[in-house]
Amino acid sequence: MTYSVALNFEDGATRFIECNEGEKVLDAAYRNKINLPMDCSDGVCGTCKCRCEHGEYNLGDEYLDDALSGAEAEEGLVLTCQMVPSSDCVIAVPVPSTACKVKPAEHGAEVSSVELVSDSTIVLKLKLDRPDALGYLPGQYVNLTVPGTSEHRSYSFSSKVGASEASFLIRNVPGGLMSGWLASEAKVGTRMTFVGPQGSFFLRAVDRPVVMLAGGTGLAPILSMLEVLADQGTDQPVHLIYGVTNDGDLVEIDRIEALAKRLPTLTWATCVANPDSAHPLKGYVTAHLADEHLNDGDCDVYLCGPPPMVEAVRVFFTEKRVSPSHFFYEKFSATEAVAA
């Protein structure tokens, strides 16, 4: 039996390694040509200390308290030279990937479809060359190269982890390099490359109620997370609020409805900021975030949207004097072409 271990580095790069039954993480990483921080490799120095954010493991008792105290172990800190996984794991490594001689992972694909699903949103789907070689945590992003250029743009997966086809929600930016190429030049079968995965915005273990807030194409990573939750199931309530600017900006509603059928604990709402909207719920996501969803702060919040939305939610929590148990967020902003 093998276990999949995601090494999430300080610079946001993530690499997946397979750890054999009874194998220590440090040894598995070395076997995969990833030089995790280490010195003694005997549980004495503490140089290889990392944090396990998800998964089950055994540390044994052959290490010094000076290297890893009991309090640190209870908080999820581990010594990779002693850690033996007993399930799939996610490990936060407190150094950049470059310090561990990890090269960026490049992947190839071909366009399988490009669809303008609203005036503001393009759905891009890519048939992966090697789906088995692409591992990512639900919520992460990649740097997708614009064909014919050396430029890239960052987009979060909206697809299900492990799927043979990767999908992305891309904002249709006037003058945008990527959206302009997709609208005028992209064809089925066109080759594309991307580097990744990247990012610390990803789904953690669900131990308490979850609140998910998405703005515009910030829905993409949330959809990927919901796919995992729908597959795994959870007894915890999950509430999604998806906000856009105009009525026509709402996309993937059928998919959300399908996810809600697969995940009975999921409730959701959509809202539109434009005051002239015909939508029943107007305003920003914070206007529809009720106390019952926040559970007196005993909740995990996942937020993805443009910077003003992220800041507005942060101010909302401060004014309500609510501190979520965990608050994970990712900001994004559209990149426009610069006139020559």
C-alpha atoms as a PDB file:
ATOM      1  CA  MET A   1       0.000   0.000   0.000  1.00  0.00           C
ATOM      2  CA  THR A   2       1.166   3.525  -0.735  1.00  0.00           C
ATOM      3  CA  TYR A   3      -0.030   6.896   0.536  1.00  0.00           C
ATOM      4  CA  SER A   4      -0.102  10.179  -1.347  1.00  0.00           C
ATOM      5  CA  VAL A   5       1.735  12.927   0.523  1.00  0.00           C
ATOM      6  CA  ALA A   6       1.373  16.544  -0.612  1.00  0.00           C
ATOM      7  CA  LEU A   7       4.361  18.707   0.273  1.00  0.00           C
ATOM      8  CA  ASN A   8       3.185  22.319   0.316  1.00  0.00           C
ATOM      9  CA  PHE A   9       6.191  24.647   0.346  1.00  0.00           C
ATOM     10  CA  GLU A  10       6.484  28.150   1.766  1.00  0.00           C
ATOM     11  CA  ASP A  11       6.402  29.722  -1.706  1.00  0.00           C
ATOM     12  CA  GLY A  12       3.086  27.999  -2.500  1.00  0.00           C
ATOM     13  CA  ALA A  13       4.502  25.265  -4.739  1.00  0.00           C
ATOM     14  CA  THR A  14       3.110  21.789  -4.082  1.00  0.00           C
ATOM     15  CA  ARG A  15       4.629  18.442  -4.961  1.00  0.00           C
ATOM     16  CA  PHE A  16       3.058  15.029  -4.443  1.00  0.00           C
ATOM     17  CA  ILE A  17       5.088  11.986  -3.501  1.00  0.00           C
ATOM     18  CA  GLU A  18       4.091   8.381  -2.924  1.00  0.00           C
ATOM     19  CA  CYS A  19       5.095   7.047   0.473  1.00  0.00           C
ATOM     20  CA  ASN A  20       5.315   3.281   0.859  1.00  0.00           C
ATOM     21  CA  GLU A  21       3.843   1.382   3.787  1.00  0.00           C
ATOM     22  CA  GLY A  22       6.159   1.919   6.766  1.00  0.00           C
ATOM     23  CA  GLU A  23       8.331   4.434   4.895  1.00  0.00           C
ATOM     24  CA  LYS A  24       9.347   7.704   6.518  1.00  0.00           C
ATOM     25  CA  VAL A  25       8.415  10.904   4.700  1.00  0.00           C
ATOM     26  CA  LEU A  26      11.992  12.154   4.537  1.00  0.00           C
ATOM     27  CA  ASP A  27      13.096   8.925   2.859  1.00  0.00           C
ATOM     28  CA  ALA A  28      10.191   9.022   0.388  1.00  0.00           C
ATOM     29  CA  ALA A  29      10.985  12.635  -0.487  1.00  0.00           C
ATOM     30  CA  TYR A  30      14.656  11.824  -1.033  1.00  0.00           C
ATOM     31  CA  ARG A  31      13.656   8.875  -3.236  1.00  0.00           C
ATOM     32  CA  ASN A  32      11.630  11.377  -5.304  1.00  0.00           C
ATOM     33  CA  LYS A  33      14.653  13.727  -5.542  1.00  0.00           C
ATOM     34  CA  ILE A  34      13.180  16.289  -3.153  1.00  0.00           C
ATOM     35  CA  ASN A  35      15.705  17.434  -0.569  1.00  0.00           C
ATOM     36  CA  LEU A  36      13.597  18.326   2.440  1.00  0.00           C
ATOM     37  CA  PRO A  37      15.430  20.205   5.217  1.00  0.00           C
ATOM     38  CA  MET A  38      17.409  17.768   7.348  1.00  0.00           C
ATOM     39  CA  ASP A  39      20.637  17.387   9.258  1.00  0.00           C
ATOM     40  CA  CYS A  40      20.812  14.350  11.507  1.00  0.00           C
ATOM     41  CA  SER A  41      17.867  12.267  10.120  1.00  0.00           C
ATOM     42  CA  ASP A  42      17.716  10.558  13.528  1.00  0.00           C
ATOM     43  CA  GLY A  43      15.169  12.689  15.406  1.00  0.00           C
ATOM     44  CA  VAL A  44      17.856  14.629  17.263  1.00  0.00           C
ATOM     45  CA  CYS A  45      18.266  18.071  15.659  1.00  0.00           C
ATOM     46  CA  GLY A  46      14.712  19.147  14.693  1.00  0.00           C
ATOM     47  CA  THR A  47      15.891  20.579  11.352  1.00  0.00           C
ATOM     48  CA  CYS A  48      13.257  18.586   9.435  1.00  0.00           C
ATOM     49  CA  LYS A  49      10.343  19.929  11.489  1.00  0.00           C
ATOM     50  CA  CYS A  50       7.203  20.565   9.436  1.00  0.00           C
ATOM     51  CA  ARG A  51       3.465  20.729  10.079  1.00  0.00           C
ATOM     52  CA  CYS A  52       0.983  18.028   9.071  1.00  0.00           C
ATOM     53  CA  GLU A  53      -2.225  19.797   8.064  1.00  0.00           C
ATOM     54  CA  HIS A  54      -4.167  16.680   7.131  1.00  0.00           C
ATOM     55  CA  GLY A  55      -3.850  12.943   7.554  1.00  0.00           C
ATOM     56  CA  GLU A  56      -2.894  10.198   9.981  1.00  0.00           C
ATOM     57  CA  TYR A  57       0.657   9.190  10.843  1.00  0.00           C
ATOM     58  CA  ASN A  58       2.945   7.647  13.442  1.00  0.00           C
ATOM     59  CA  LEU A  59       5.968   9.431  14.887  1.00  0.00           C
ATOM     60  CA  GLY A  60       7.166   6.597  17.105  1.00  0.00           C
ATOM     61  CA  ASP A  61       9.214   7.501  20.178  1.00  0.00           C
ATOM     62  CA  GLU A  62      12.764   7.471  18.854  1.00  0.00           C
ATOM     63  CA  TYR A  63      13.319  11.222  18.848  1.00  0.00           C
ATOM     64  CA  LEU A  64      14.434  13.768  21.432  1.00  0.00           C
ATOM     65  CA  ASP A  65      12.062  16.166  23.134  1.00  0.00           C
ATOM     66  CA  ASP A  66      14.496  18.930  22.215  1.00  0.00           C
ATOM     67  CA  ALA A  67      13.807  18.148  18.567  1.00  0.00           C
ATOM     68  CA  LEU A  68      10.021  17.956  18.948  1.00  0.00           C
ATOM     69  CA  SER A  69       8.265  18.681  22.231  1.00  0.00           C
ATOM     70  CA  GLY A  70       5.045  16.998  23.289  1.00  0.00           C
ATOM     71  CA  ALA A  71       3.196  20.320  22.930  1.00  0.00           C
ATOM     72  CA  GLU A  72       4.480  20.729  19.379  1.00  0.00           C
ATOM     73  CA  ALA A  73       3.436  17.201  18.468  1.00  0.00           C
ATOM     74  CA  GLU A  74      -0.072  17.866  19.779  1.00  0.00           C
ATOM     75  CA  GLU A  75      -0.252  20.946  17.523  1.00  0.00           C
ATOM     76  CA  GLY A  76       0.494  18.826  14.440  1.00  0.00           C
ATOM     77  CA  LEU A  77       4.200  19.520  14.106  1.00  0.00           C
ATOM     78  CA  VAL A  78       6.193  16.536  12.872  1.00  0.00           C
ATOM     79  CA  LEU A  79       9.715  15.421  12.168  1.00  0.00           C
ATOM     80  CA  THR A  80       9.735  14.145   8.600  1.00  0.00           C
ATOM     81  CA  CYS A  81      12.686  11.891   9.458  1.00  0.00           C
ATOM     82  CA  GLN A  82      10.400  10.034  11.899  1.00  0.00           C
ATOM     83  CA  MET A  83       6.932  10.508  10.378  1.00  0.00           C
ATOM     84  CA  VAL A  84       5.393   7.362   8.886  1.00  0.00           C
ATOM     85  CA  PRO A  85       2.023   8.077   7.167  1.00  0.00           C
ATOM     86  CA  SER A  86      -0.939   5.772   7.696  1.00  0.00           C
ATOM     87  CA  SER A  87      -3.178   7.735   5.297  1.00  0.00           C
ATOM     88  CA  ASP A  88      -2.842  10.377   2.600  1.00  0.00           C
ATOM     89  CA  CYS A  89      -1.317  13.512   4.138  1.00  0.00           C
ATOM     90  CA  VAL A  90      -0.719  17.208   3.514  1.00  0.00           C
ATOM     91  CA  ILE A  91       2.489  18.603   4.969  1.00  0.00           C
ATOM     92  CA  ALA A  92       3.395  22.300   5.186  1.00  0.00           C
ATOM     93  CA  VAL A  93       7.142  22.689   4.604  1.00  0.00           C
ATOM     94  CA  PRO A  94       8.476  25.975   6.093  1.00  0.00           C
ATOM     95  CA  VAL A  95      10.993  26.692   3.300  1.00  0.00           C
ATOM     96  CA  PRO A  96      10.669  27.645  -0.392  1.00  0.00           C
ATOM     97  CA  SER A  97      10.603  24.840  -2.951  1.00  0.00           C
ATOM     98  CA  THR A  98      13.802  26.213  -4.506  1.00  0.00           C
ATOM     99  CA  ALA A  99      15.660  25.525  -1.253  1.00  0.00           C
ATOM    100  CA  CYS A 100      14.746  21.856  -1.660  1.00  0.00           C
ATOM    101  CA  LYS A 101      15.879  21.739  -5.307  1.00  0.00           C
ATOM    102  CA  VAL A 102      12.337  21.232  -6.500  1.00  0.00           C
ATOM    103  CA  LYS A 103      11.887  22.174 -10.144  1.00  0.00           C
ATOM    104  CA  PRO A 104       8.560  23.655 -11.281  1.00  0.00           C
ATOM    105  CA  ALA A 105       6.341  20.887 -12.645  1.00  0.00           C
ATOM    106  CA  GLU A 106       5.179  21.579 -16.205  1.00  0.00           C
ATOM    107  CA  HIS A 107       2.140  19.833 -17.658  1.00  0.00           C
ATOM    108  CA  GLY A 108       0.784  19.614 -21.186  1.00  0.00           C
ATOM    109  CA  ALA A 109      -2.798  19.537 -22.408  1.00  0.00           C
ATOM    110  CA  GLU A 110      -4.984  20.350 -25.370  1.00  0.00           C
ATOM    111  CA  VAL A 111      -8.080  22.496 -25.512  1.00  0.00           C
ATOM    112  CA  SER A 112     -11.225  20.366 -25.406  1.00  0.00           C
ATOM    113  CA  SER A 113     -13.701  23.254 -25.202  1.00  0.00           C
ATOM    114  CA  VAL A 114     -13.942  27.029 -24.778  1.00  0.00           C
ATOM    115  CA  GLU A 115     -17.335  28.464 -23.879  1.00  0.00           C
ATOM    116  CA  LEU A 116     -18.403  32.031 -23.182  1.00  0.00           C
ATOM    117  CA  VAL A 117     -20.956  31.189 -20.487  1.00  0.00           C
ATOM    118  CA  SER A 118     -21.683  34.848 -19.693  1.00  0.00           C
ATOM    119  CA  ASP A 119     -20.444  38.250 -20.817  1.00  0.00           C
ATOM    120  CA  SER A 120     -17.949  38.134 -17.941  1.00  0.00           C
ATOM    121  CA  THR A 121     -16.911  34.473 -17.792  1.00  0.00           C
ATOM    122  CA  ILE A 122     -15.221  31.934 -20.057  1.00  0.00           C
ATOM    123  CA  VAL A 123     -15.089  28.237 -19.179  1.00  0.00           C
ATOM    124  CA  LEU A 124     -11.918  26.606 -20.472  1.00  0.00           C
ATOM    125  CA  LYS A 125     -11.573  22.821 -20.444  1.00  0.00           C
ATOM    126  CA  LEU A 126      -8.302  21.036 -21.128  1.00  0.00           C
ATOM    127  CA  LYS A 127      -7.711  17.375 -21.885  1.00  0.00           C
ATOM    128  CA  LEU A 128      -4.628  16.491 -19.848  1.00  0.00           C
ATOM    129  CA  ASP A 129      -1.714  14.626 -21.432  1.00  0.00           C
ATOM    130  CA  ARG A 130      -1.066  12.731 -18.215  1.00  0.00           C
ATOM    131  CA  PRO A 131      -3.841  13.048 -15.641  1.00  0.00           C
ATOM    132  CA  ASP A 132      -1.976  10.640 -13.368  1.00  0.00           C
ATOM    133  CA  ALA A 133       1.001  13.023 -13.227  1.00  0.00           C
ATOM    134  CA  LEU A 134      -1.064  16.004 -12.077  1.00  0.00           C
ATOM    135  CA  GLY A 135      -1.856  16.052  -8.397  1.00  0.00           C
ATOM    136  CA  TYR A 136      -3.330  19.100  -6.719  1.00  0.00           C
ATOM    137  CA  LEU A 137      -5.214  20.065  -3.600  1.00  0.00           C
ATOM    138  CA  PRO A 138      -8.779  21.296  -4.157  1.00  0.00           C
ATOM    139  CA  GLY A 139      -8.558  25.086  -4.276  1.00  0.00           C
ATOM    140  CA  GLN A 140      -5.075  25.382  -5.768  1.00  0.00           C
ATOM    141  CA  TYR A 141      -4.115  27.143  -8.997  1.00  0.00           C
ATOM    142  CA  VAL A 142      -1.673  26.822 -11.893  1.00  0.00           C
ATOM    143  CA  ASN A 143       0.160  29.289 -14.120  1.00  0.00           C
ATOM    144  CA  LEU A 144      -1.295  28.790 -17.585  1.00  0.00           C
ATOM    145  CA  THR A 145       0.828  30.012 -20.515  1.00  0.00           C
ATOM    146  CA  VAL A 146      -0.857  32.033 -23.243  1.00  0.00           C
ATOM    147  CA  PRO A 147       0.021  30.179 -26.495  1.00  0.00           C
ATOM    148  CA  GLY A 148       2.404  32.054 -28.747  1.00  0.00           C
ATOM    149  CA  THR A 149       3.745  34.167 -25.880  1.00  0.00           C
ATOM    150  CA  SER A 150       5.996  33.830 -22.860  1.00  0.00           C
ATOM    151  CA  GLU A 151       3.251  35.276 -20.659  1.00  0.00           C
ATOM    152  CA  HIS A 152       1.202  33.292 -18.181  1.00  0.00           C
ATOM    153  CA  ARG A 153      -1.901  33.877 -16.101  1.00  0.00           C
ATOM    154  CA  SER A 154      -2.897  32.205 -12.843  1.00  0.00           C
ATOM    155  CA  TYR A 155      -6.185  30.300 -12.632  1.00  0.00           C
ATOM    156  CA  SER A 156      -7.654  27.992 -10.009  1.00  0.00           C
ATOM    157  CA  PHE A 157      -8.989  24.596 -10.972  1.00  0.00           C
ATOM    158  CA  SER A 158     -12.773  24.380 -10.956  1.00  0.00           C
ATOM    159  CA  SER A 159     -12.557  20.696 -11.822  1.00  0.00           C
ATOM    160  CA  LYS A 160     -12.625  17.626  -9.651  1.00  0.00           C
ATOM    161  CA  VAL A 161      -9.277  16.373  -8.391  1.00  0.00           C
ATOM    162  CA  GLY A 162      -8.203  13.338 -10.418  1.00  0.00           C
ATOM    163  CA  ALA A 163     -10.337  14.141 -13.472  1.00  0.00           C
ATOM    164  CA  SER A 164      -8.875  13.546 -16.934  1.00  0.00           C
ATOM    165  CA  GLU A 165     -10.102  16.990 -17.958  1.00  0.00           C
ATOM    166  CA  ALA A 166      -9.118  20.181 -16.132  1.00  0.00           C
ATOM    167  CA  SER A 167     -11.524  23.115 -16.114  1.00  0.00           C
ATOM    168  CA  PHE A 168     -11.096  26.788 -15.253  1.00  0.00           C
ATOM    169  CA  LEU A 169     -13.417  29.785 -14.887  1.00  0.00           C
ATOM    170  CA  ILE A 170     -11.709  32.704 -16.609  1.00  0.00           C
ATOM    171  CA  ARG A 171     -12.845  36.280 -16.335  1.00  0.00           C
ATOM    172  CA  ASN A 172     -13.472  37.841 -19.740  1.00  0.00           C
ATOM    173  CA  VAL A 173     -11.339  40.967 -19.412  1.00  0.00           C
ATOM    174  CA  PRO A 174     -11.563  43.633 -22.163  1.00  0.00           C
ATOM    175  CA  GLY A 175      -8.095  43.734 -23.696  1.00  0.00           C
ATOM    176  CA  GLY A 176      -6.999  40.787 -21.595  1.00  0.00           C
ATOM    177  CA  LEU A 177      -4.222  38.685 -23.080  1.00  0.00           C
ATOM    178  CA  MET A 178      -5.616  35.285 -22.111  1.00  0.00           C
ATOM    179  CA  SER A 179      -9.303  36.049 -22.521  1.00  0.00           C
ATOM    180  CA  GLY A 180      -8.586  37.744 -25.858  1.00  0.00           C
ATOM    181  CA  TRP A 181      -6.740  34.661 -27.093  1.00  0.00           C
ATOM    182  CA  LEU A 182      -9.532  32.371 -25.902  1.00  0.00           C
ATOM    183  CA  ALA A 183     -12.200  34.488 -27.577  1.00  0.00           C
ATOM    184  CA  SER A 184     -10.480  34.886 -30.949  1.00  0.00           C
ATOM    185  CA  GLU A 185      -7.833  32.212 -31.494  1.00  0.00           C
ATOM    186  CA  ALA A 186      -8.358  29.150 -29.307  1.00  0.00           C
ATOM    187  CA  LYS A 187      -9.555  26.027 -31.074  1.00  0.00           C
ATOM    188  CA  VAL A 188     -10.281  22.489 -29.974  1.00  0.00           C
ATOM    189  CA  GLY A 189      -7.000  20.581 -30.040  1.00  0.00           C
ATOM    190  CA  THR A 190      -4.770  23.631 -29.488  1.00  0.00           C
ATOM    191  CA  ARG A 191      -1.811  22.770 -27.268  1.00  0.00           C
ATOM    192  CA  MET A 192      -1.387  24.539 -23.926  1.00  0.00           C
ATOM    193  CA  THR A 193       1.058  24.171 -21.049  1.00  0.00           C
ATOM    194  CA  PHE A 194       0.899  25.138 -17.416  1.00  0.00           C
ATOM    195  CA  VAL A 195       3.084  25.020 -14.310  1.00  0.00           C
ATOM    196  CA  GLY A 196       1.881  24.008 -10.877  1.00  0.00           C
ATOM    197  CA  PRO A 197       0.054  23.342  -8.706  1.00  0.00           C
ATOM    198  CA  GLN A 198       0.532  26.313  -6.426  1.00  0.00           C
ATOM    199  CA  GLY A 199      -1.093  27.994  -3.465  1.00  0.00           C
ATOM    200  CA  SER A 200      -1.949  27.627   0.206  1.00  0.00           C
ATOM    201  CA  PHE A 201      -5.681  28.110  -0.413  1.00  0.00           C
ATOM    202  CA  PHE A 202      -6.998  24.570  -0.322  1.00  0.00           C
ATOM    203  CA  LEU A 203      -9.546  22.478   1.536  1.00  0.00           C
ATOM    204  CA  ARG A 204      -8.521  21.260   4.963  1.00  0.00           C
ATOM    205  CA  ALA A 205     -10.074  18.487   7.063  1.00  0.00           C
ATOM    206  CA  VAL A 206     -13.685  19.386   7.908  1.00  0.00           C
ATOM    207  CA  ASP A 207     -14.116  19.245  11.682  1.00  0.00           C
ATOM    208  CA  ARG A 208     -16.655  22.054  12.162  1.00  0.00           C
ATOM    209  CA  PRO A 209     -19.222  24.024  10.101  1.00  0.00           C
ATOM    210  CA  VAL A 210     -17.867  25.475   6.859  1.00  0.00           C
ATOM    211  CA  VAL A 211     -18.712  28.821   5.242  1.00  0.00           C
ATOM    212  CA  MET A 212     -17.690  29.348   1.627  1.00  0.00           C
ATOM    213  CA  LEU A 213     -17.789  32.808   0.056  1.00  0.00           C
ATOM    214  CA  ALA A 214     -17.150  33.255  -3.666  1.00  0.00           C
ATOM    215  CA  GLY A 215     -17.034  36.396  -5.772  1.00  0.00           C
ATOM    216  CA  GLY A 216     -17.241  36.136  -9.565  1.00  0.00           C
ATOM    217  CA  THR A 217     -14.752  33.631 -10.972  1.00  0.00           C
ATOM    218  CA  GLY A 218     -13.587  33.082  -7.389  1.00  0.00           C
ATOM    219  CA  LEU A 219     -16.223  30.367  -7.539  1.00  0.00           C
ATOM    220  CA  ALA A 220     -13.714  28.108  -9.334  1.00  0.00           C
ATOM    221  CA  PRO A 221     -11.663  26.842  -6.353  1.00  0.00           C
ATOM    222  CA  ILE A 222     -14.828  26.554  -4.267  1.00  0.00           C
ATOM    223  CA  LEU A 223     -16.345  24.209  -6.865  1.00  0.00           C
ATOM    224  CA  SER A 224     -13.236  22.029  -6.728  1.00  0.00           C
ATOM    225  CA  MET A 225     -13.520  21.873  -2.929  1.00  0.00           C
ATOM    226  CA  LEU A 226     -17.215  21.013  -3.084  1.00  0.00           C
ATOM    227  CA  GLU A 227     -16.486  18.173  -5.498  1.00  0.00           C
ATOM    228  CA  VAL A 228     -14.223  16.592  -2.887  1.00  0.00           C
ATOM    229  CA  LEU A 229     -16.739  17.125  -0.088  1.00  0.00           C
ATOM    230  CA  ALA A 230     -19.521  15.638  -2.205  1.00  0.00           C
ATOM    231  CA  ASP A 231     -17.391  12.552  -2.860  1.00  0.00           C
ATOM    232  CA  GLN A 232     -16.225  12.130   0.722  1.00  0.00           C
ATOM    233  CA  GLY A 233     -19.372  13.288   2.506  1.00  0.00           C
ATOM    234  CA  THR A 234     -19.483  15.228   5.763  1.00  0.00           C
ATOM    235  CA  ASP A 235     -21.881  15.577   8.685  1.00  0.00           C
ATOM    236  CA  GLN A 236     -20.873  19.214   9.117  1.00  0.00           C
ATOM    237  CA  PRO A 237     -23.057  21.954   7.606  1.00  0.00           C
ATOM    238  CA  VAL A 238     -21.541  23.680   4.583  1.00  0.00           C
ATOM    239  CA  HIS A 239     -22.977  27.013   3.441  1.00  0.00           C
ATOM    240  CA  LEU A 240     -22.007  28.713   0.176  1.00  0.00           C
ATOM    241  CA  ILE A 241     -22.749  32.328  -0.745  1.00  0.00           C
ATOM    242  CA  TYR A 242     -21.843  33.194  -4.321  1.00  0.00           C
ATOM    243  CA  GLY A 243     -21.940  36.845  -5.290  1.00  0.00           C
ATOM    244  CA  VAL A 244     -21.581  38.618  -8.634  1.00  0.00           C
ATOM    245  CA  THR A 245     -22.005  42.153  -9.987  1.00  0.00           C
ATOM    246  CA  ASN A 246     -24.820  41.663 -12.509  1.00  0.00           C
ATOM    247  CA  ASP A 247     -27.540  39.084 -13.069  1.00  0.00           C
ATOM    248  CA  GLY A 248     -25.879  37.682 -16.181  1.00  0.00           C
ATOM    249  CA  ASP A 249     -22.629  37.008 -14.287  1.00  0.00           C
ATOM    250  CA  LEU A 250     -24.078  34.038 -12.396  1.00  0.00           C
ATOM    251  CA  VAL A 251     -22.622  30.823 -13.834  1.00  0.00           C
ATOM    252  CA  GLU A 252     -22.409  27.116 -12.984  1.00  0.00           C
ATOM    253  CA  ILE A 253     -25.738  27.191 -11.154  1.00  0.00           C
ATOM    254  CA  ASP A 254     -26.724  23.768 -12.490  1.00  0.00           C
ATOM    255  CA  ARG A 255     -23.477  22.371 -11.188  1.00  0.00           C
ATOM    256  CA  ILE A 256     -24.034  23.839  -7.723  1.00  0.00           C
ATOM    257  CA  GLU A 257     -27.518  22.335  -7.671  1.00  0.00           C
ATOM    258  CA  ALA A 258     -26.068  18.939  -8.619  1.00  0.00           C
ATOM    259  CA  LEU A 259     -23.447  19.216  -5.880  1.00  0.00           C
ATOM    260  CA  ALA A 260     -26.137  20.051  -3.321  1.00  0.00           C
ATOM    261  CA  LYS A 261     -27.941  16.828  -4.251  1.00  0.00           C
ATOM    262  CA  ARG A 262     -24.764  14.831  -3.684  1.00  0.00           C
ATOM    263  CA  LEU A 263     -23.922  16.702  -0.468  1.00  0.00           C
ATOM    264  CA  PRO A 264     -27.061  16.905   1.719  1.00  0.00           C
ATOM    265  CA  THR A 265     -25.406  19.206   4.291  1.00  0.00           C
ATOM    266  CA  LEU A 266     -24.762  21.875   1.641  1.00  0.00           C
ATOM    267  CA  THR A 267     -26.964  24.962   1.590  1.00  0.00           C
ATOM    268  CA  TRP A 268     -26.321  27.844  -0.753  1.00  0.00           C
ATOM    269  CA  ALA A 269     -27.438  31.232  -1.963  1.00  0.00           C
ATOM    270  CA  THR A 270     -26.546  33.624  -4.752  1.00  0.00           C
ATOM    271  CA  CYS A 271     -26.618  37.405  -4.630  1.00  0.00           C
ATOM    272  CA  VAL A 272     -26.121  40.262  -7.084  1.00  0.00           C
ATOM    273  CA  ALA A 273     -24.494  43.562  -6.129  1.00  0.00           C
ATOM    274  CA  ASN A 274     -26.220  45.721  -8.755  1.00  0.00           C
ATOM    275  CA  PRO A 275     -29.130  47.508  -7.001  1.00  0.00           C
ATOM    276  CA  ASP A 276     -31.123  47.414 -10.248  1.00  0.00           C
ATOM    277  CA  SER A 277     -30.898  43.638 -10.365  1.00  0.00           C
ATOM    278  CA  ALA A 278     -34.004  41.485 -10.695  1.00  0.00           C
ATOM    279  CA  HIS A 279     -32.388  38.879  -8.473  1.00  0.00           C
ATOM    280  CA  PRO A 280     -34.214  38.199  -5.154  1.00  0.00           C
ATOM    281  CA  LEU A 281     -31.026  38.688  -3.100  1.00  0.00           C
ATOM    282  CA  LYS A 282     -29.220  41.965  -3.706  1.00  0.00           C
ATOM    283  CA  GLY A 283     -26.040  43.372  -2.234  1.00  0.00           C
ATOM    284  CA  TYR A 284     -22.737  41.828  -1.272  1.00  0.00           C
ATOM    285  CA  VAL A 285     -22.144  38.418   0.279  1.00  0.00           C
ATOM    286  CA  THR A 286     -21.786  39.902   3.775  1.00  0.00           C
ATOM    287  CA  ALA A 287     -25.411  41.110   3.617  1.00  0.00           C
ATOM    288  CA  HIS A 288     -26.519  37.479   3.485  1.00  0.00           C
ATOM    289  CA  LEU A 289     -24.085  35.956   5.981  1.00  0.00           C
ATOM    290  CA  ALA A 290     -26.216  35.124   9.035  1.00  0.00           C
ATOM    291  CA  ASP A 291     -25.144  34.473  12.617  1.00  0.00           C
ATOM    292  CA  GLU A 292     -26.305  30.874  12.291  1.00  0.00           C
ATOM    293  CA  HIS A 293     -23.758  30.309   9.539  1.00  0.00           C
ATOM    294  CA  LEU A 294     -20.914  31.706  11.656  1.00  0.00           C
ATOM    295  CA  ASN A 295     -21.782  29.478  14.636  1.00  0.00           C
ATOM    296  CA  ASP A 296     -20.332  31.967  17.163  1.00  0.00           C
ATOM    297  CA  GLY A 297     -17.006  31.743  15.361  1.00  0.00           C
ATOM    298  CA  ASP A 298     -16.762  27.958  15.531  1.00  0.00           C
ATOM    299  CA  CYS A 299     -16.491  27.591  11.780  1.00  0.00           C
ATOM    300  CA  ASP A 300     -13.959  27.448   8.965  1.00  0.00           C
ATOM    301  CA  VAL A 301     -14.290  30.176   6.334  1.00  0.00           C
ATOM    302  CA  TYR A 302     -13.056  29.852   2.754  1.00  0.00           C
ATOM    303  CA  LEU A 303     -13.163  33.061   0.734  1.00  0.00           C
ATOM    304  CA  CYS A 304     -12.074  33.688  -2.850  1.00  0.00           C
ATOM    305  CA  GLY A 305     -12.758  36.907  -4.709  1.00  0.00           C
ATOM    306  CA  PRO A 306     -11.321  40.277  -5.761  1.00  0.00           C
ATOM    307  CA  PRO A 307      -9.337  42.257  -3.161  1.00  0.00           C
ATOM    308  CA  PRO A 308     -12.196  44.668  -2.235  1.00  0.00           C
ATOM    309  CA  MET A 309     -14.434  41.684  -1.447  1.00  0.00           C
ATOM    310  CA  VAL A 310     -11.775  40.043   0.724  1.00  0.00           C
ATOM    311  CA  GLU A 311     -11.236  43.286   2.631  1.00  0.00           C
ATOM    312  CA  ALA A 312     -14.989  43.806   3.069  1.00  0.00           C
ATOM    313  CA  VAL A 313     -15.352  40.352   4.626  1.00  0.00           C
ATOM    314  CA  ARG A 314     -12.424  40.987   6.958  1.00  0.00           C
ATOM    315  CA  VAL A 315     -14.023  44.271   8.092  1.00  0.00           C
ATOM    316  CA  PHE A 316     -17.367  42.475   8.509  1.00  0.00           C
ATOM    317  CA  PHE A 317     -15.831  39.943  10.891  1.00  0.00           C
ATOM    318  CA  THR A 318     -14.076  42.697  12.853  1.00  0.00           C
ATOM    319  CA  GLU A 319     -17.250  44.746  13.245  1.00  0.00           C
ATOM    320  CA  LYS A 320     -19.230  41.685  14.334  1.00  0.00           C
ATOM    321  CA  ARG A 321     -16.396  40.702  16.680  1.00  0.00           C
ATOM    322  CA  VAL A 322     -16.349  37.233  15.209  1.00  0.00           C
ATOM    323  CA  SER A 323     -13.087  35.341  14.798  1.00  0.00           C
ATOM    324  CA  PRO A 324     -13.589  32.162  12.758  1.00  0.00           C
ATOM    325  CA  SER A 325     -11.624  29.138  13.919  1.00  0.00           C
ATOM    326  CA  HIS A 326      -9.867  29.262  10.555  1.00  0.00           C
ATOM    327  CA  PHE A 327     -10.094  31.918   7.864  1.00  0.00           C
ATOM    328  CA  PHE A 328      -8.585  30.901   4.530  1.00  0.00           C
ATOM    329  CA  TYR A 329      -8.752  33.372   1.659  1.00  0.00           C
ATOM    330  CA  GLU A 330      -7.318  34.068  -1.760  1.00  0.00           C
ATOM    331  CA  LYS A 331      -7.436  37.356  -3.639  1.00  0.00           C
ATOM    332  CA  PHE A 332      -7.361  37.670  -7.384  1.00  0.00           C
ATOM    333  CA  SER A 333      -7.340  40.581  -9.801  1.00  0.00           C
ATOM    334  CA  ALA A 334      -7.796  40.727 -13.540  1.00  0.00           C
ATOM    335  CA  THR A 335      -4.760  41.492 -15.694  1.00  0.00           C
ATOM    336  CA  GLU A 336      -5.378  43.793 -18.631  1.00  0.00           C
ATOM    337  CA  ALA A 337      -3.201  44.227 -21.672  1.00  0.00           C
ATOM    338  CA  VAL A 338      -0.896  47.233 -21.614  1.00  0.00           C
ATOM    339  CA  ALA A 339      -1.010  49.419 -24.719  1.00  0.00           C
ATOM    340  CA  ALA A 340       2.292  49.695 -26.548  1.00  0.00           C
END
